[in-house]
Amino acid sequence: MSLKAMSGAQILISSLEDLGVEVIFGYPGGAVLPIYDALYDTKKITHILVRHEQAAVHAAEGYARSTGKPGVVLVTSGPGATNAVTGLTDAMLDSIPIICITGQVPVQLIGTDAFQEADTVGITRHCTKHNYLIRHSDDISVVIHEAFHVATTGRPGPVVVDIPKDVQIIKSDKLHRGPIEHRSYRPALKGDDEAIKKAVDLLATAKKPIFYTGGGVINSGPEASELLRSLVKLTGAPITSTLMGLGAYPSSDKQFLGMLGMHGTYEANHAMHDCDVMVCVGARFDDRITGRIDAFSPHSKKIHIDIDRSSINKIIHVDVPVVGDVARVLEVFLKLWKKARHKLDRAALDQWWAEIDRRRARKSLAYVYKSDVIMPQYAIERLQALTKDRDTYITTEVGQHQMWAAQYLGFEKPNHWMTSGGLGTMGYGFPAAIGVQVAHPNSLVIDVAGEASIQMNIQELSTVMQYNLPVKVFILNNEYMGMVRQWQELNHEGRYSNSYTASLPDFVKLAESYGATGLMVDDPKKLDETIIKMIETPGPVFVDCRIEKLTNCFPMIPSGAAHNEMILPDEDDVKEYEGGAALV
């Protein structure tokens, strides 16, 4: 539509308003000053000033994953754009819808190695779902609408829109309104009915079925999670989840076997190995799940439901592929299952559950409680116990603490667990927590961190203070890069090369220097009161939880092993472990 001429920057802001954008995470610079000037006049969009562009993208990821809405980022040219690359790659691998708007040098200077120039489109081509370089202000509005469409439909992902500074200034009267119909990008949402029927009929023949679910269930929306729960209940089959899928199915339910994969439960990995029909829903057979590919679930027929056609048969050959949106496919799957009045063989299913329960009895998450030092597993268990009745959102950094959080925290609903899965980005959790807290100002948001990871983006303390965001950071401090040390112990004969952090800051004083609250605990008897104080203290809080230094994260599939070849805790640990919690 035509209207009174506006600058390119004004058109951009107007388009974002039209698309319902409420929050932008960004950092200003010369190449985006016209956009920031236009932001000055908007009443509909809040801008959150981060302290590093990587943090801007992670914050947008946290916002997106906890709301289901796309996250929006605004950064300048050159180093602003290149600093965002890690966050964009993280979002790409974890299928998070992000629109990253980058400034660029004026059109006539592109290719001249001008000040703060970088080939943003070239650099981000392989770590985004799509990207654009806008050369005319007339194109801004339609490109922004198209970028949102691409980022949020099909398999979600990040999209970069690079806008030269002069294009932001030049006036135009072209402003697109309403949804966009792309000429060539038309992702398949509805699954093929015949393929779904084959999947239904195959599952009906199963003696040892299992549902293997991933982040695609959550990305599909809350309806997908509800449909998954209905189907699993209807069949009576066991279900397991990837790291990214936690919360899609309630962890407290008896049919849930826990997380699978490299640090998954003994029962989940063995059930995956021994099953005869596997229903993969919104997962991609990642290497952390499969272990050695030639030994992965060798005797099963496999159904794979995924919106991304390229993910099917990419790693593991499947027998029945179904391309489509998880929610739409599961809806048809349920209807066909009910219509055919299918029921799994009850005697076979009972025998299958007896086999699973025998492996459950091994208590693969067992550990020994110690009265003189805080065990990391115990710290997470107490965090879970003291927060489970609240509206709690959890983010994590990457490492041992991340795996312990996944193992010992229970999630009953989707969109409450935010972690870096595919890229494994240290420094993700704190800025992601900022994005979650902005989206849910009245909820409890906790970043479970390690003392090494938290230092990757610790400058965001300044951000939480500026906007009075009551983010809680719970640091499991073992004075090591824990997962690096664990691998060095197991694979490199205990040669701890550069994995010990020899000059850690005083996290309490560091938090206080920014104006936040800092707490330290090293006594198991004082752990509960510290966690309660963290929760009840207004504003941002850092907890330095000093844990046992050499504890390894088990169970574990060693590198190069099959997924049923696991290192488990010592049998003696099981004796100290009753009813899912350590004996105190």
Protein backbone atom coordinates (compact mmCIF):
# COMPACT_ATOMS: atom_id res chain seq x y z
CA MET A 1 0.00 0.00 0.00
CA SER A 2 1.05 3.57 -0.60
CA LEU A 3 1.06 6.23 2.07
CA LYS A 4 2.93 9.30 3.17
CA ALA A 5 6.62 8.79 2.54
CA MET A 6 8.67 7.63 5.51
CA SER A 7 12.34 6.84 5.97
CA GLY A 8 13.44 3.24 5.58
CA ALA A 9 14.02 3.07 9.33
CA GLN A 10 10.50 4.30 10.06
CA ILE A 11 9.08 1.75 7.62
CA LEU A 12 11.05 -0.98 9.41
CA ILE A 13 9.67 -0.02 12.81
CA SER A 14 6.13 0.30 11.43
CA SER A 15 6.43 -3.18 9.86
CA LEU A 16 7.66 -4.68 13.15
CA GLU A 17 4.70 -3.10 14.94
CA ASP A 18 2.36 -4.54 12.31
CA LEU A 19 3.85 -7.98 12.93
CA GLY A 20 3.13 -7.72 16.64
CA VAL A 21 6.73 -7.33 17.83
CA GLU A 22 6.82 -6.21 21.46
CA VAL A 23 10.51 -6.61 22.33
CA ILE A 24 13.81 -6.09 20.52
CA PHE A 25 17.16 -7.17 21.98
CA GLY A 26 19.99 -5.12 20.61
CA TYR A 27 23.08 -2.96 20.77
CA PRO A 28 23.45 0.31 18.83
CA GLY A 29 26.22 1.34 16.47
CA GLY A 30 26.85 3.76 13.65
CA ALA A 31 25.22 1.68 10.91
CA VAL A 32 21.90 1.33 12.76
CA LEU A 33 21.54 4.80 14.29
CA PRO A 34 18.67 5.77 11.94
CA ILE A 35 16.77 2.67 13.18
CA TYR A 36 17.49 3.54 16.80
CA ASP A 37 16.29 7.08 16.08
CA ALA A 38 13.02 5.65 14.74
CA LEU A 39 12.75 3.39 17.80
CA TYR A 40 12.79 6.53 19.95
CA ASP A 41 9.26 7.40 18.76
CA THR A 42 7.56 3.99 19.11
CA LYS A 43 5.31 3.24 22.05
CA LYS A 44 4.63 -0.37 21.08
CA ILE A 45 8.12 -1.86 21.13
CA THR A 46 10.44 -2.18 24.12
CA HIS A 47 14.17 -2.30 23.46
CA ILE A 48 16.42 -4.28 25.80
CA LEU A 49 20.01 -3.05 25.71
CA VAL A 50 22.36 -6.02 26.15
CA ARG A 51 26.13 -5.73 26.67
CA HIS A 52 27.21 -8.03 23.86
CA GLU A 53 25.60 -8.96 20.54
CA GLN A 54 25.93 -12.69 21.20
CA ALA A 55 23.86 -12.13 24.33
CA ALA A 56 21.24 -10.30 22.25
CA VAL A 57 20.62 -13.39 20.13
CA HIS A 58 20.59 -15.76 23.12
CA ALA A 59 18.14 -13.45 24.90
CA ALA A 60 15.93 -13.50 21.80
CA GLU A 61 16.19 -17.32 21.81
CA GLY A 62 15.04 -17.47 25.43
CA TYR A 63 12.16 -15.14 24.61
CA ALA A 64 11.18 -17.21 21.58
CA ARG A 65 11.42 -20.59 23.26
CA SER A 66 9.41 -19.58 26.31
CA THR A 67 6.64 -17.82 24.35
CA GLY A 68 6.45 -19.52 20.95
CA LYS A 69 6.84 -16.07 19.35
CA PRO A 70 9.82 -15.11 17.17
CA GLY A 71 12.69 -13.27 18.85
CA VAL A 72 13.95 -10.04 17.26
CA VAL A 73 17.55 -8.79 17.36
CA LEU A 74 19.04 -5.48 16.21
CA VAL A 75 22.82 -5.07 15.83
CA THR A 76 25.19 -2.86 13.90
CA SER A 77 27.45 -3.72 10.97
CA GLY A 78 30.84 -5.43 11.05
CA PRO A 79 31.69 -6.61 14.58
CA GLY A 80 28.06 -6.23 15.66
CA ALA A 81 26.97 -8.74 13.04
CA THR A 82 29.93 -11.09 13.49
CA ASN A 83 29.41 -11.15 17.28
CA ALA A 84 25.88 -12.40 16.60
CA VAL A 85 27.05 -15.40 14.55
CA THR A 86 27.36 -17.81 17.50
CA GLY A 87 23.82 -17.05 18.62
CA LEU A 88 22.50 -17.43 15.06
CA THR A 89 24.22 -20.81 14.68
CA ASP A 90 22.79 -21.89 18.04
CA ALA A 91 19.29 -20.92 16.90
CA MET A 92 19.80 -22.69 13.57
CA LEU A 93 20.75 -26.01 15.15
CA ASP A 94 17.98 -25.83 17.76
CA SER A 95 15.31 -24.59 15.32
CA ILE A 96 14.52 -21.31 17.07
CA PRO A 97 12.70 -18.53 15.13
CA ILE A 98 14.92 -15.42 15.21
CA ILE A 99 14.86 -12.31 13.02
CA CYS A 100 18.23 -10.60 13.24
CA ILE A 101 18.32 -7.12 11.71
CA THR A 102 21.86 -5.96 11.00
CA GLY A 103 23.10 -2.59 9.87
CA GLN A 104 25.40 -2.33 6.87
CA VAL A 105 27.61 0.34 5.33
CA PRO A 106 25.96 2.46 2.62
CA VAL A 107 25.23 0.62 -0.64
CA GLN A 108 27.96 2.43 -2.61
CA LEU A 109 30.58 1.40 -0.02
CA ILE A 110 29.74 -2.31 -0.01
CA GLY A 111 32.78 -4.24 -1.17
CA THR A 112 35.27 -1.43 -0.46
CA ASP A 113 36.43 -2.66 2.95
CA ALA A 114 34.80 0.38 4.51
CA PHE A 115 34.90 1.07 8.24
CA GLN A 116 32.97 -1.64 10.13
CA GLU A 117 32.09 -3.45 6.92
CA ALA A 118 31.71 -7.21 6.82
CA ASP A 119 30.01 -9.48 4.30
CA THR A 120 27.16 -10.26 6.67
CA VAL A 121 25.11 -12.13 4.08
CA GLY A 122 28.10 -14.26 3.10
CA ILE A 123 29.17 -14.91 6.69
CA THR A 124 25.69 -15.92 7.85
CA ARG A 125 24.61 -17.87 4.75
CA HIS A 126 25.46 -21.22 6.32
CA CYS A 127 24.21 -20.54 9.84
CA THR A 128 20.78 -19.10 9.02
CA LYS A 129 17.66 -20.44 7.42
CA HIS A 130 17.72 -17.52 4.99
CA ASN A 131 19.18 -14.04 4.73
CA TYR A 132 18.59 -10.80 2.81
CA LEU A 133 20.54 -7.73 1.77
CA ILE A 134 18.06 -4.89 1.17
CA ARG A 135 19.27 -2.36 -1.43
CA HIS A 136 16.12 -0.23 -1.77
CA SER A 137 13.92 1.25 0.93
CA ASP A 138 10.85 0.26 -1.13
CA ASP A 139 11.67 -3.37 -0.32
CA ILE A 140 12.02 -3.10 3.46
CA SER A 141 8.44 -3.79 4.48
CA VAL A 142 7.79 -6.79 2.25
CA VAL A 143 11.19 -8.32 3.09
CA ILE A 144 10.56 -7.99 6.85
CA HIS A 145 7.19 -9.67 6.50
CA GLU A 146 8.76 -12.39 4.38
CA ALA A 147 11.58 -12.86 6.92
CA PHE A 148 9.05 -13.45 9.70
CA HIS A 149 7.18 -15.91 7.52
CA VAL A 150 10.34 -17.89 6.72
CA ALA A 151 11.60 -17.85 10.33
CA THR A 152 8.35 -19.07 11.88
CA THR A 153 6.98 -21.60 9.39
CA GLY A 154 8.21 -25.06 8.47
CA ARG A 155 11.20 -25.95 10.62
CA PRO A 156 11.78 -22.65 12.49
CA GLY A 157 15.12 -20.94 12.32
CA PRO A 158 17.04 -17.65 12.25
CA VAL A 159 16.78 -15.17 9.40
CA VAL A 160 19.15 -12.22 8.87
CA VAL A 161 18.03 -8.96 7.26
CA ASP A 162 20.99 -6.74 6.36
CA ILE A 163 20.05 -3.08 5.78
CA PRO A 164 22.61 -0.51 4.52
CA LYS A 165 22.62 2.80 6.37
CA ASP A 166 21.56 4.89 3.37
CA VAL A 167 18.60 2.54 2.74
CA GLN A 168 17.49 3.29 6.31
CA ILE A 169 17.47 7.01 5.52
CA ILE A 170 15.98 7.13 1.99
CA LYS A 171 12.23 7.71 2.04
CA SER A 172 9.59 5.44 0.56
CA ASP A 173 5.82 5.21 0.49
CA LYS A 174 5.72 1.39 0.22
CA LEU A 175 4.37 -0.31 3.35
CA HIS A 176 3.18 -3.91 3.27
CA ARG A 177 0.33 -4.96 5.57
CA GLY A 178 -0.99 -8.35 6.48
CA PRO A 179 0.25 -11.89 5.87
CA ILE A 180 2.55 -12.76 3.01
CA GLU A 181 2.20 -15.51 0.44
CA HIS A 182 5.65 -16.62 -0.67
CA ARG A 183 6.00 -17.75 -4.27
CA SER A 184 8.31 -20.69 -3.71
CA TYR A 185 8.64 -21.32 0.04
CA ARG A 186 5.68 -23.55 0.92
CA PRO A 187 6.60 -25.97 3.71
CA ALA A 188 4.48 -29.10 3.99
CA LEU A 189 2.32 -28.89 7.10
CA LYS A 190 -0.23 -31.62 6.44
CA GLY A 191 1.24 -35.10 6.51
CA ASP A 192 0.41 -37.60 3.78
CA ASP A 193 -2.67 -39.55 4.89
CA GLU A 194 -1.40 -42.81 3.42
CA ALA A 195 1.95 -42.46 5.20
CA ILE A 196 0.20 -41.75 8.50
CA LYS A 197 -2.03 -44.81 8.02
CA LYS A 198 1.07 -46.97 7.41
CA ALA A 199 2.57 -45.57 10.63
CA VAL A 200 -0.60 -46.32 12.58
CA ASP A 201 -0.81 -49.87 11.24
CA LEU A 202 2.87 -50.48 12.00
CA LEU A 203 2.58 -49.26 15.58
CA ALA A 204 -0.46 -51.51 16.08
CA THR A 205 1.74 -54.58 15.40
CA ALA A 206 4.33 -53.61 18.04
CA LYS A 207 5.27 -55.89 20.92
CA LYS A 208 7.95 -53.52 22.23
CA PRO A 209 6.94 -49.99 21.15
CA ILE A 210 8.56 -46.73 22.20
CA PHE A 211 7.99 -43.04 21.48
CA TYR A 212 11.18 -41.06 20.87
CA THR A 213 10.36 -37.34 21.06
CA GLY A 214 12.30 -34.15 20.52
CA GLY A 215 12.21 -30.38 20.31
CA GLY A 216 10.01 -30.48 17.21
CA VAL A 217 7.04 -31.32 19.45
CA ILE A 218 7.56 -28.13 21.44
CA ASN A 219 8.24 -26.05 18.33
CA SER A 220 4.94 -27.20 16.88
CA GLY A 221 3.06 -25.53 19.73
CA PRO A 222 1.15 -26.54 22.89
CA GLU A 223 -1.46 -28.49 20.91
CA ALA A 224 1.24 -30.91 19.74
CA SER A 225 2.25 -31.66 23.33
CA GLU A 226 -1.39 -32.30 24.29
CA LEU A 227 -1.91 -34.62 21.31
CA LEU A 228 1.31 -36.48 22.13
CA ARG A 229 0.14 -37.02 25.71
CA SER A 230 -3.20 -38.34 24.49
CA LEU A 231 -1.59 -40.76 22.04
CA VAL A 232 0.94 -42.09 24.55
CA LYS A 233 -1.81 -42.63 27.14
CA LEU A 234 -4.05 -44.32 24.58
CA THR A 235 -1.37 -46.79 23.51
CA GLY A 236 0.18 -47.43 26.93
CA ALA A 237 3.64 -47.38 25.36
CA PRO A 238 6.77 -45.95 27.04
CA ILE A 239 8.10 -42.57 25.98
CA THR A 240 11.49 -40.91 26.15
CA SER A 241 12.77 -37.48 25.18
CA THR A 242 15.83 -35.72 23.88
CA LEU A 243 17.42 -32.84 25.77
CA MET A 244 15.45 -30.38 23.62
CA GLY A 245 12.11 -32.16 24.05
CA LEU A 246 11.91 -32.14 27.86
CA GLY A 247 8.53 -30.88 29.02
CA ALA A 248 6.58 -32.02 25.98
CA TYR A 249 5.49 -35.00 28.10
CA PRO A 250 5.20 -34.74 31.91
CA SER A 251 8.31 -36.10 33.60
CA SER A 252 6.32 -37.32 36.60
CA ASP A 253 4.24 -39.74 34.51
CA LYS A 254 5.06 -43.42 34.95
CA GLN A 255 5.27 -43.97 31.17
CA PHE A 256 8.11 -41.46 30.89
CA LEU A 257 11.52 -43.14 30.97
CA GLY A 258 13.53 -39.96 31.33
CA MET A 259 15.94 -38.41 28.90
CA LEU A 260 17.80 -40.62 26.44
CA GLY A 261 21.19 -40.18 24.83
CA MET A 262 24.76 -39.70 25.99
CA HIS A 263 23.72 -38.85 29.57
CA GLY A 264 20.27 -40.40 29.42
CA THR A 265 18.86 -43.02 31.74
CA TYR A 266 19.77 -46.67 31.55
CA GLU A 267 16.17 -47.69 30.97
CA ALA A 268 15.57 -45.13 28.20
CA ASN A 269 18.63 -46.08 26.16
CA HIS A 270 18.07 -49.81 26.54
CA ALA A 271 14.39 -49.48 25.63
CA MET A 272 15.42 -47.61 22.50
CA HIS A 273 17.92 -50.36 21.66
CA ASP A 274 15.55 -53.28 22.29
CA CYS A 275 12.28 -51.89 20.88
CA ASP A 276 10.62 -53.40 17.81
CA VAL A 277 8.72 -50.25 16.70
CA MET A 278 10.13 -46.78 17.29
CA VAL A 279 7.97 -43.71 16.73
CA CYS A 280 10.27 -40.71 16.36
CA VAL A 281 8.33 -37.46 16.75
CA GLY A 282 10.10 -34.17 16.09
CA ALA A 283 13.63 -35.44 16.72
CA ARG A 284 16.54 -35.77 14.29
CA PHE A 285 18.62 -38.80 15.38
CA ASP A 286 21.44 -36.60 16.64
CA ASP A 287 24.80 -38.26 17.35
CA ARG A 288 24.35 -37.63 21.11
CA ILE A 289 21.31 -39.93 20.87
CA THR A 290 22.38 -42.66 18.48
CA GLY A 291 25.86 -43.50 19.71
CA ARG A 292 27.48 -45.75 17.10
CA ILE A 293 25.10 -45.62 14.15
CA ASP A 294 25.53 -49.24 13.02
CA ALA A 295 24.45 -50.42 16.48
CA PHE A 296 21.50 -48.06 16.94
CA SER A 297 18.24 -49.90 17.64
CA PRO A 298 19.14 -52.66 15.18
CA HIS A 299 15.96 -54.73 15.36
CA SER A 300 13.29 -52.03 15.16
CA LYS A 301 11.02 -50.66 12.50
CA LYS A 302 11.19 -46.88 12.59
CA ILE A 303 8.55 -44.21 12.03
CA HIS A 304 9.81 -40.64 11.67
CA ILE A 305 7.46 -37.66 11.93
CA ASP A 306 9.17 -34.37 11.14
CA ILE A 307 8.38 -31.11 9.36
CA ASP A 308 11.88 -30.99 7.88
CA ARG A 309 12.09 -33.33 4.89
CA SER A 310 15.91 -33.10 4.86
CA SER A 311 16.12 -34.58 8.38
CA ILE A 312 14.42 -37.80 7.30
CA ASN A 313 16.85 -40.60 6.33
CA LYS A 314 19.72 -38.16 6.86
CA ILE A 315 21.37 -40.20 9.62
CA ILE A 316 19.19 -43.25 10.32
CA HIS A 317 17.15 -45.02 7.64
CA VAL A 318 13.49 -45.15 8.62
CA ASP A 319 10.72 -47.44 7.41
CA VAL A 320 7.81 -44.99 7.45
CA PRO A 321 8.62 -41.31 6.89
CA VAL A 322 5.90 -38.73 7.55
CA VAL A 323 6.66 -35.15 6.54
CA GLY A 324 4.46 -32.59 8.24
CA ASP A 325 3.78 -30.44 11.27
CA VAL A 326 3.80 -32.56 14.42
CA ALA A 327 0.45 -31.30 15.70
CA ARG A 328 -1.33 -31.90 12.38
CA VAL A 329 0.19 -35.34 11.92
CA LEU A 330 -0.58 -36.46 15.48
CA GLU A 331 -4.16 -35.25 15.14
CA VAL A 332 -4.70 -37.51 12.12
CA PHE A 333 -2.71 -40.32 13.77
CA LEU A 334 -5.01 -40.27 16.81
CA LYS A 335 -8.17 -40.23 14.66
CA LEU A 336 -7.01 -43.20 12.59
CA TRP A 337 -5.92 -45.13 15.70
CA LYS A 338 -9.30 -44.62 17.33
CA LYS A 339 -11.22 -45.28 14.12
CA ALA A 340 -9.48 -48.62 13.63
CA ARG A 341 -9.96 -49.42 17.35
CA HIS A 342 -6.35 -50.47 17.58
CA LYS A 343 -4.97 -51.83 20.83
CA LEU A 344 -1.46 -53.00 21.52
CA ASP A 345 -0.99 -56.63 22.52
CA ARG A 346 -1.57 -56.38 26.27
CA ALA A 347 0.43 -59.48 27.25
CA ALA A 348 3.40 -58.38 25.14
CA LEU A 349 3.17 -54.83 26.47
CA ASP A 350 3.11 -56.06 30.07
CA GLN A 351 6.22 -58.15 29.39
CA TRP A 352 7.88 -55.12 27.77
CA TRP A 353 7.13 -52.96 30.82
CA ALA A 354 8.48 -55.69 33.12
CA GLU A 355 11.73 -55.61 31.14
CA ILE A 356 11.87 -51.81 31.40
CA ASP A 357 11.14 -51.89 35.13
CA ARG A 358 14.02 -54.31 35.70
CA ARG A 359 16.32 -51.72 34.17
CA ARG A 360 14.67 -48.94 36.14
CA ALA A 361 15.54 -50.85 39.29
CA ARG A 362 19.21 -50.31 38.47
CA LYS A 363 18.62 -46.64 39.43
CA SER A 364 21.05 -45.19 36.96
CA LEU A 365 20.78 -41.70 38.47
CA ALA A 366 21.91 -42.88 41.87
CA TYR A 367 24.58 -41.05 43.81
CA VAL A 368 25.97 -41.04 47.33
CA TYR A 369 24.95 -38.18 49.60
CA LYS A 370 27.80 -36.63 51.57
CA SER A 371 27.33 -34.59 54.72
CA ASP A 372 30.55 -32.59 54.38
CA VAL A 373 30.28 -31.43 50.78
CA ILE A 374 27.43 -30.58 48.41
CA MET A 375 26.97 -33.21 45.72
CA PRO A 376 25.89 -31.58 42.45
CA GLN A 377 23.00 -34.01 42.00
CA TYR A 378 21.73 -33.18 45.48
CA ALA A 379 21.94 -29.45 44.73
CA ILE A 380 19.74 -29.87 41.66
CA GLU A 381 17.31 -32.16 43.49
CA ARG A 382 16.85 -29.55 46.21
CA LEU A 383 16.43 -26.82 43.61
CA GLN A 384 13.70 -28.92 42.02
CA ALA A 385 11.98 -29.63 45.35
CA LEU A 386 11.90 -25.97 46.36
CA THR A 387 10.72 -24.57 43.01
CA LYS A 388 8.34 -27.21 41.62
CA ASP A 389 5.22 -25.53 43.00
CA ARG A 390 6.07 -22.20 41.36
CA ASP A 391 5.80 -21.02 37.76
CA THR A 392 9.46 -21.74 37.13
CA TYR A 393 11.47 -21.40 33.93
CA ILE A 394 14.92 -22.97 33.75
CA THR A 395 17.78 -22.05 31.46
CA THR A 396 21.25 -23.58 31.54
CA GLU A 397 24.73 -23.00 30.33
CA VAL A 398 26.60 -25.99 28.84
CA GLY A 399 28.53 -28.72 30.61
CA GLN A 400 28.06 -31.13 33.53
CA HIS A 401 25.61 -28.80 35.27
CA GLN A 402 23.45 -28.82 32.12
CA MET A 403 23.22 -32.62 32.12
CA TRP A 404 22.52 -32.79 35.86
CA ALA A 405 19.77 -30.23 35.40
CA ALA A 406 18.26 -32.32 32.59
CA GLN A 407 18.47 -35.49 34.69
CA TYR A 408 17.19 -34.23 38.05
CA LEU A 409 14.80 -31.37 37.20
CA GLY A 410 11.32 -32.45 36.24
CA PHE A 411 9.29 -30.60 33.62
CA GLU A 412 5.54 -31.02 33.41
CA LYS A 413 4.88 -28.48 30.67
CA PRO A 414 6.56 -27.41 27.44
CA ASN A 415 8.41 -24.09 26.99
CA HIS A 416 9.79 -24.06 30.55
CA TRP A 417 13.22 -25.56 29.72
CA MET A 418 15.73 -23.57 27.67
CA THR A 419 19.15 -24.96 26.89
CA SER A 420 21.66 -25.08 24.05
CA GLY A 421 21.36 -28.52 22.49
CA GLY A 422 22.82 -28.71 18.99
CA LEU A 423 25.67 -26.20 19.27
CA GLY A 424 26.37 -26.61 22.99
CA THR A 425 27.06 -22.92 23.58
CA MET A 426 28.72 -21.93 26.83
CA GLY A 427 27.36 -18.52 27.78
CA TYR A 428 23.85 -19.31 26.51
CA GLY A 429 21.97 -19.59 29.79
CA PHE A 430 22.29 -16.17 31.40
CA PRO A 431 21.22 -14.06 28.40
CA ALA A 432 18.53 -16.65 27.57
CA ALA A 433 17.20 -16.17 31.11
CA ILE A 434 17.00 -12.43 30.40
CA GLY A 435 14.79 -13.11 27.38
CA VAL A 436 12.60 -15.46 29.41
CA GLN A 437 12.27 -12.97 32.27
CA VAL A 438 11.33 -10.15 29.87
CA ALA A 439 8.59 -12.39 28.46
CA HIS A 440 7.41 -13.60 31.90
CA PRO A 441 8.09 -10.78 34.35
CA ASN A 442 6.16 -12.39 37.23
CA SER A 443 7.66 -15.87 36.92
CA LEU A 444 10.68 -17.40 38.60
CA VAL A 445 13.53 -17.66 36.08
CA ILE A 446 16.67 -19.57 37.06
CA ASP A 447 19.86 -20.02 35.08
CA VAL A 448 21.60 -23.22 36.21
CA ALA A 449 25.23 -22.44 35.45
CA GLY A 450 28.78 -23.62 35.82
CA GLU A 451 31.54 -21.36 37.09
CA ALA A 452 33.28 -21.54 33.69
CA SER A 453 30.20 -21.05 31.46
CA ILE A 454 28.79 -18.13 33.42
CA GLN A 455 31.91 -16.11 32.71
CA MET A 456 31.25 -16.25 28.96
CA ASN A 457 28.49 -13.63 29.19
CA ILE A 458 28.69 -12.47 32.78
CA GLN A 459 28.65 -8.83 31.65
CA GLU A 460 24.88 -9.23 31.24
CA LEU A 461 24.68 -8.57 34.98
CA SER A 462 24.61 -4.96 33.86
CA THR A 463 21.54 -5.69 31.71
CA VAL A 464 19.53 -7.38 34.46
CA MET A 465 20.32 -4.50 36.79
CA GLN A 466 19.34 -1.82 34.27
CA TYR A 467 15.93 -3.40 33.65
CA ASN A 468 15.45 -4.78 37.17
CA LEU A 469 15.04 -8.32 35.88
CA PRO A 470 14.95 -10.70 38.89
CA VAL A 471 16.91 -13.48 37.17
CA LYS A 472 18.41 -16.02 39.57
CA VAL A 473 21.76 -17.62 38.66
CA PHE A 474 22.53 -20.89 40.43
CA ILE A 475 26.22 -21.69 39.86
CA LEU A 476 27.46 -25.24 40.42
CA ASN A 477 31.05 -24.36 41.18
CA ASN A 478 33.54 -27.24 41.05
CA GLU A 479 36.47 -25.05 39.96
CA TYR A 480 36.82 -27.08 36.78
CA MET A 481 35.46 -26.99 33.28
CA GLY A 482 33.60 -30.03 34.51
CA MET A 483 32.72 -31.84 31.31
CA VAL A 484 36.17 -31.16 29.84
CA ARG A 485 37.77 -32.58 33.00
CA GLN A 486 35.47 -35.62 32.90
CA TRP A 487 36.45 -36.45 29.33
CA GLN A 488 40.11 -35.92 30.15
CA GLU A 489 39.76 -38.36 33.06
CA LEU A 490 37.99 -41.01 31.01
CA ASN A 491 39.69 -40.61 27.62
CA HIS A 492 43.04 -38.96 28.29
CA GLU A 493 44.35 -40.81 31.37
CA GLY A 494 43.56 -37.98 33.76
CA ARG A 495 45.83 -35.48 32.03
CA TYR A 496 43.92 -32.35 33.02
CA SER A 497 45.24 -29.98 30.40
CA ASN A 498 43.90 -26.46 31.00
CA SER A 499 40.60 -27.59 32.47
CA TYR A 500 41.19 -26.19 35.96
CA THR A 501 40.14 -22.62 36.54
CA ALA A 502 42.98 -21.26 38.63
CA SER A 503 41.78 -17.69 39.15
CA LEU A 504 38.06 -17.64 39.73
CA PRO A 505 36.38 -14.40 40.78
CA ASP A 506 34.55 -14.04 44.04
CA PHE A 507 31.07 -14.40 42.54
CA VAL A 508 29.42 -12.86 45.58
CA LYS A 509 31.51 -9.71 45.36
CA LEU A 510 31.20 -9.66 41.58
CA ALA A 511 27.40 -9.71 41.80
CA GLU A 512 27.47 -7.04 44.48
CA SER A 513 29.74 -4.82 42.37
CA TYR A 514 26.92 -4.61 39.82
CA GLY A 515 24.33 -3.99 42.52
CA ALA A 516 22.93 -7.53 42.57
CA THR A 517 22.71 -9.93 45.52
CA GLY A 518 25.43 -12.56 45.94
CA LEU A 519 25.17 -15.70 48.08
CA MET A 520 27.63 -18.52 48.76
CA VAL A 521 26.91 -21.98 50.14
CA ASP A 522 29.26 -24.93 50.68
CA ASP A 523 27.42 -26.81 53.46
CA PRO A 524 24.67 -29.31 52.47
CA LYS A 525 22.79 -28.40 55.67
CA LYS A 526 22.55 -24.78 54.57
CA LEU A 527 21.61 -25.50 50.95
CA ASP A 528 17.83 -25.29 51.41
CA GLU A 529 17.91 -21.98 53.24
CA THR A 530 20.21 -20.54 50.57
CA ILE A 531 17.91 -21.62 47.74
CA ILE A 532 14.89 -20.19 49.58
CA LYS A 533 16.75 -16.92 50.13
CA MET A 534 17.66 -16.82 46.45
CA ILE A 535 14.01 -17.25 45.49
CA GLU A 536 12.64 -14.75 47.98
CA THR A 537 15.25 -12.00 47.50
CA PRO A 538 13.97 -9.30 45.13
CA GLY A 539 15.98 -8.56 42.01
CA PRO A 540 18.87 -10.49 40.45
CA VAL A 541 20.68 -13.03 42.64
CA PHE A 542 23.90 -15.00 42.07
CA VAL A 543 24.40 -18.18 44.13
CA ASP A 544 27.91 -19.60 44.29
CA CYS A 545 27.15 -23.21 45.21
CA ARG A 546 30.47 -24.94 45.98
CA ILE A 547 30.10 -28.59 44.98
CA GLU A 548 32.25 -31.71 45.12
CA LYS A 549 35.02 -31.07 42.59
CA LEU A 550 35.63 -34.43 40.93
CA THR A 551 32.11 -35.85 40.53
CA ASN A 552 31.43 -37.26 37.08
CA CYS A 553 28.12 -37.07 35.25
CA PHE A 554 26.74 -40.59 34.80
CA PRO A 555 25.18 -42.47 33.11
CA MET A 556 27.33 -41.87 30.06
CA ILE A 557 27.70 -43.39 26.62
CA PRO A 558 31.46 -43.29 25.93
CA SER A 559 32.68 -41.85 22.67
CA GLY A 560 32.41 -44.42 19.87
CA ALA A 561 30.22 -46.81 21.88
CA ALA A 562 26.75 -48.10 21.06
CA HIS A 563 23.83 -46.47 22.84
CA ASN A 564 23.28 -49.50 25.07
CA GLU A 565 26.95 -49.55 26.18
CA MET A 566 26.78 -47.19 29.13
CA ILE A 567 29.01 -46.26 32.02
CA LEU A 568 26.85 -46.36 35.14
CA PRO A 569 27.40 -45.19 38.72
CA ASP A 570 28.88 -47.79 41.05
CA GLU A 571 26.50 -50.44 42.35
CA ASP A 572 27.31 -49.27 45.87
CA ASP A 573 25.73 -45.93 45.02
CA VAL A 574 22.42 -47.63 44.39
CA LYS A 575 22.33 -48.90 47.94
CA GLU A 576 22.50 -45.30 49.14
CA TYR A 577 19.61 -44.29 46.92
CA GLU A 578 15.93 -44.84 47.61
CA GLY A 579 12.78 -43.68 45.92
CA GLY A 580 14.50 -41.37 43.46
CA ALA A 581 16.45 -39.36 46.03
CA ALA A 582 19.64 -39.79 47.94
CA LEU A 583 19.43 -41.01 51.51
CA VAL A 584 20.21 -38.16 53.88
